[in-house]
PDB file of N, CA and C in Angstrom:
ATOM      1  N   UNK A   1      40.399  57.650 -35.823  1.00  0.00           N
ATOM      2  CA  UNK A   1      40.541  57.947 -37.231  1.00  0.00           C
ATOM      3  C   UNK A   1      39.350  57.401 -38.025  1.00  0.00           C
ATOM      4  N   UNK A   2      38.946  56.190 -37.738  1.00  0.00           N
ATOM      5  CA  UNK A   2      37.842  55.559 -38.440  1.00  0.00           C
ATOM      6  C   UNK A   2      36.534  56.289 -38.165  1.00  0.00           C
ATOM      7  N   UNK A   3      36.376  56.763 -36.930  1.00  0.00           N
ATOM      8  CA  UNK A   3      35.156  57.487 -36.562  1.00  0.00           C
ATOM      9  C   UNK A   3      35.068  58.800 -37.339  1.00  0.00           C
ATOM     10  N   UNK A   4      36.173  59.490 -37.492  1.00  0.00           N
ATOM     11  CA  UNK A   4      36.204  60.753 -38.231  1.00  0.00           C
ATOM     12  C   UNK A   4      35.856  60.519 -39.698  1.00  0.00           C
ATOM     13  N   UNK A   5      36.348  59.447 -40.268  1.00  0.00           N
ATOM     14  CA  UNK A   5      36.041  59.095 -41.649  1.00  0.00           C
ATOM     15  C   UNK A   5      34.547  58.813 -41.809  1.00  0.00           C
ATOM     16  N   UNK A   6      33.961  58.098 -40.879  1.00  0.00           N
ATOM     17  CA  UNK A   6      32.536  57.791 -40.919  1.00  0.00           C
ATOM     18  C   UNK A   6      31.693  59.060 -40.829  1.00  0.00           C
ATOM     19  N   UNK A   7      32.060  59.964 -39.951  1.00  0.00           N
ATOM     20  CA  UNK A   7      31.331  61.227 -39.799  1.00  0.00           C
ATOM     21  C   UNK A   7      31.451  62.067 -41.071  1.00  0.00           C
ATOM     22  N   UNK A   8      32.623  62.099 -41.648  1.00  0.00           N
ATOM     23  CA  UNK A   8      32.834  62.865 -42.879  1.00  0.00           C
ATOM     24  C   UNK A   8      31.984  62.309 -44.015  1.00  0.00           C
ATOM     25  N   UNK A   9      31.939  61.019 -44.161  1.00  0.00           N
ATOM     26  CA  UNK A   9      31.124  60.387 -45.202  1.00  0.00           C
ATOM     27  C   UNK A   9      29.648  60.678 -44.973  1.00  0.00           C
ATOM     28  N   UNK A  10      29.207  60.659 -43.722  1.00  0.00           N
ATOM     29  CA  UNK A  10      27.808  60.955 -43.411  1.00  0.00           C
ATOM     30  C   UNK A  10      27.457  62.393 -43.790  1.00  0.00           C
ATOM     31  N   UNK A  11      28.340  63.344 -43.507  1.00  0.00           N
ATOM     32  CA  UNK A  11      28.093  64.745 -43.881  1.00  0.00           C
ATOM     33  C   UNK A  11      28.045  64.920 -45.392  1.00  0.00           C
ATOM     34  N   UNK A  12      28.936  64.260 -46.096  1.00  0.00           N
ATOM     35  CA  UNK A  12      28.954  64.356 -47.559  1.00  0.00           C
ATOM     36  C   UNK A  12      27.662  63.772 -48.140  1.00  0.00           C
ATOM     37  N   UNK A  13      27.214  62.655 -47.610  1.00  0.00           N
ATOM     38  CA  UNK A  13      25.977  62.038 -48.092  1.00  0.00           C
ATOM     39  C   UNK A  13      24.771  62.937 -47.819  1.00  0.00           C
ATOM     40  N   UNK A  14      24.707  63.521 -46.632  1.00  0.00           N
ATOM     41  CA  UNK A  14      23.588  64.406 -46.290  1.00  0.00           C
ATOM     42  C   UNK A  14      23.589  65.644 -47.176  1.00  0.00           C
ATOM     43  N   UNK A  15      24.745  66.208 -47.429  1.00  0.00           N
ATOM     44  CA  UNK A  15      24.855  67.383 -48.297  1.00  0.00           C
ATOM     45  C   UNK A  15      24.432  67.029 -49.717  1.00  0.00           C
ATOM     46  N   UNK A  16      24.846  65.891 -50.194  1.00  0.00           N
ATOM     47  CA  UNK A  16      24.477  65.461 -51.544  1.00  0.00           C
ATOM     48  C   UNK A  16      22.985  65.270 -51.706  1.00  0.00           C
ATOM     49  N   UNK A  17      22.363  64.675 -50.714  1.00  0.00           N
ATOM     50  CA  UNK A  17      20.914  64.466 -50.783  1.00  0.00           C
ATOM     51  C   UNK A  17      20.149  65.783 -50.727  1.00  0.00           C
ATOM     52  N   UNK A  18      20.591  66.712 -49.901  1.00  0.00           N
ATOM     53  CA  UNK A  18      19.898  67.998 -49.810  1.00  0.00           C
ATOM     54  C   UNK A  18      20.085  68.793 -51.092  1.00  0.00           C
ATOM     55  N   UNK A  19      21.231  68.673 -51.726  1.00  0.00           N
ATOM     56  CA  UNK A  19      21.464  69.379 -52.988  1.00  0.00           C
ATOM     57  C   UNK A  19      20.554  68.834 -54.079  1.00  0.00           C
ATOM     58  N   UNK A  20      20.323  67.537 -54.092  1.00  0.00           N
ATOM     59  CA  UNK A  20      19.428  66.944 -55.094  1.00  0.00           C
ATOM     60  C   UNK A  20      18.014  67.480 -54.916  1.00  0.00           C
ATOM     61  N   UNK A  21      17.543  67.555 -53.686  1.00  0.00           N
ATOM     62  CA  UNK A  21      16.195  68.056 -53.442  1.00  0.00           C
ATOM     63  C   UNK A  21      16.075  69.520 -53.833  1.00  0.00           C
ATOM     64  N   UNK A  22      17.101  70.291 -53.573  1.00  0.00           N
ATOM     65  CA  UNK A  22      17.080  71.707 -53.928  1.00  0.00           C
ATOM     66  C   UNK A  22      17.026  71.879 -55.440  1.00  0.00           C
ATOM     67  N   UNK A  23      17.816  71.144 -56.162  1.00  0.00           N
ATOM     68  CA  UNK A  23      17.833  71.247 -57.623  1.00  0.00           C
ATOM     69  C   UNK A  23      16.508  70.763 -58.213  1.00  0.00           C
ATOM     70  N   UNK A  24      15.918  69.760 -57.617  1.00  0.00           N
ATOM     71  CA  UNK A  24      14.627  69.263 -58.097  1.00  0.00           C
ATOM     72  C   UNK A  24      13.564  70.341 -57.922  1.00  0.00           C
ATOM     73  N   UNK A  25      13.560  71.014 -56.790  1.00  0.00           N
ATOM     74  CA  UNK A  25      12.607  72.096 -56.545  1.00  0.00           C
ATOM     75  C   UNK A  25      12.829  73.255 -57.506  1.00  0.00           C
ATOM     76  N   UNK A  26      14.081  73.577 -57.765  1.00  0.00           N
ATOM     77  CA  UNK A  26      14.398  74.642 -58.714  1.00  0.00           C
ATOM     78  C   UNK A  26      13.905  74.276 -60.107  1.00  0.00           C
ATOM     79  N   UNK A  27      14.086  73.050 -60.490  1.00  0.00           N
ATOM     80  CA  UNK A  27      13.611  72.586 -61.802  1.00  0.00           C
ATOM     81  C   UNK A  27      12.101  72.706 -61.931  1.00  0.00           C
ATOM     82  N   UNK A  28      11.384  72.380 -60.879  1.00  0.00           N
ATOM     83  CA  UNK A  28       9.926  72.499 -60.905  1.00  0.00           C
ATOM     84  C   UNK A  28       9.500  73.962 -61.012  1.00  0.00           C
ATOM     85  N   UNK A  29      10.196  74.847 -60.312  1.00  0.00           N
ATOM     86  CA  UNK A  29       9.876  76.275 -60.378  1.00  0.00           C
ATOM     87  C   UNK A  29      10.115  76.820 -61.779  1.00  0.00           C
ATOM     88  N   UNK A  30      11.220  76.453 -62.384  1.00  0.00           N
ATOM     89  CA  UNK A  30      11.528  76.919 -63.736  1.00  0.00           C
ATOM     90  C   UNK A  30      10.502  76.367 -64.728  1.00  0.00           C
ATOM     91  N   UNK A  31      10.133  75.127 -64.548  1.00  0.00           N
ATOM     92  CA  UNK A  31       9.164  74.510 -65.449  1.00  0.00           C
ATOM     93  C   UNK A  31       7.805  75.193 -65.339  1.00  0.00           C
ATOM     94  N   UNK A  32       7.350  75.483 -64.133  1.00  0.00           N
ATOM     95  CA  UNK A  32       6.054  76.139 -63.981  1.00  0.00           C
ATOM     96  C   UNK A  32       6.101  77.566 -64.526  1.00  0.00           C
ATOM     97  N   UNK A  33       7.232  78.244 -64.388  1.00  0.00           N
ATOM     98  CA  UNK A  33       7.390  79.573 -64.974  1.00  0.00           C
ATOM     99  C   UNK A  33       7.335  79.519 -66.489  1.00  0.00           C
ATOM    100  N   UNK A  34       7.948  78.527 -67.078  1.00  0.00           N
ATOM    101  CA  UNK A  34       7.920  78.345 -68.529  1.00  0.00           C
ATOM    102  C   UNK A  34       6.521  78.047 -69.032  1.00  0.00           C
ATOM    103  N   UNK A  35       5.784  77.249 -68.275  1.00  0.00           N
ATOM    104  CA  UNK A  35       4.405  76.939 -68.663  1.00  0.00           C
ATOM    105  C   UNK A  35       3.531  78.188 -68.618  1.00  0.00           C
ATOM    106  N   UNK A  36       3.739  79.046 -67.629  1.00  0.00           N
ATOM    107  CA  UNK A  36       2.973  80.289 -67.537  1.00  0.00           C
ATOM    108  C   UNK A  36       3.283  81.193 -68.731  1.00  0.00           C
ATOM    109  N   UNK A  37       4.542  81.290 -69.127  1.00  0.00           N
ATOM    110  CA  UNK A  37       4.912  82.081 -70.297  1.00  0.00           C
ATOM    111  C   UNK A  37       4.299  81.508 -71.576  1.00  0.00           C
ATOM    112  N   UNK A  38       4.280  80.195 -71.648  1.00  0.00           N
ATOM    113  CA  UNK A  38       3.716  79.533 -72.813  1.00  0.00           C
ATOM    114  C   UNK A  38       2.220  79.821 -72.939  1.00  0.00           C
ATOM    115  N   UNK A  39       1.508  79.811 -71.809  1.00  0.00           N
ATOM    116  CA  UNK A  39       0.075  80.117 -71.823  1.00  0.00           C
ATOM    117  C   UNK A  39      -0.171  81.562 -72.244  1.00  0.00           C
ATOM    118  N   UNK A  40       0.693  82.482 -71.797  1.00  0.00           N
ATOM    119  CA  UNK A  40       0.540  83.895 -72.160  1.00  0.00           C
ATOM    120  C   UNK A  40       0.771  84.089 -73.652  1.00  0.00           C
ATOM    121  N   UNK A  41       1.646  83.310 -74.236  1.00  0.00           N
ATOM    122  CA  UNK A  41       1.975  83.484 -75.655  1.00  0.00           C
ATOM    123  C   UNK A  41       0.846  83.004 -76.565  1.00  0.00           C
ATOM    124  N   UNK A  42      -0.005  82.124 -76.060  1.00  0.00           N
ATOM    125  CA  UNK A  42      -1.098  81.577 -76.896  1.00  0.00           C
ATOM    126  C   UNK A  42      -2.214  82.526 -76.988  1.00  0.00           C
TER     127      UNK A  42
END
Protein backbone atom coordinates (compact mmCIF):
# COMPACT_ATOMS: atom_id res chain seq x y z
CA UNK A 1 0.00 0.00 0.00
CA UNK A 2 2.78 2.43 0.92
CA UNK A 3 4.65 1.66 -2.30
CA UNK A 4 1.56 2.44 -4.40
CA UNK A 5 1.13 5.76 -2.59
CA UNK A 6 4.77 6.66 -3.25
CA UNK A 7 4.45 5.83 -6.96
CA UNK A 8 1.24 7.85 -7.23
CA UNK A 9 2.86 10.89 -5.61
CA UNK A 10 5.85 10.58 -7.95
CA UNK A 11 3.57 10.54 -11.02
CA UNK A 12 1.62 13.55 -9.78
CA UNK A 13 4.85 15.48 -9.15
CA UNK A 14 6.24 14.62 -12.59
CA UNK A 15 2.99 15.64 -14.29
CA UNK A 16 2.93 18.91 -12.38
CA UNK A 17 6.47 19.78 -13.34
CA UNK A 18 5.90 19.00 -17.02
CA UNK A 19 2.73 21.10 -17.03
CA UNK A 20 4.66 24.08 -15.63
CA UNK A 21 7.27 23.81 -18.38
CA UNK A 22 4.58 23.55 -21.04
CA UNK A 23 2.75 26.63 -19.79
CA UNK A 24 6.01 28.57 -19.56
CA UNK A 25 6.79 27.73 -23.20
CA UNK A 26 3.28 28.73 -24.24
CA UNK A 27 3.66 32.04 -22.43
CA UNK A 28 6.91 32.76 -24.26
CA UNK A 29 5.29 31.95 -27.62
CA UNK A 30 2.35 34.25 -26.93
CA UNK A 31 4.68 37.00 -25.77
CA UNK A 32 6.86 36.81 -28.88
CA UNK A 33 3.73 36.84 -31.07
CA UNK A 34 2.50 39.96 -29.28
CA UNK A 35 5.86 41.66 -29.75
CA UNK A 36 5.76 40.92 -33.49
CA UNK A 37 2.27 42.46 -33.73
CA UNK A 38 3.44 45.46 -31.77
CA UNK A 39 6.36 46.02 -34.17
CA UNK A 40 3.99 45.78 -37.17
CA UNK A 41 1.69 48.40 -35.65
CA UNK A 42 4.50 50.96 -35.33
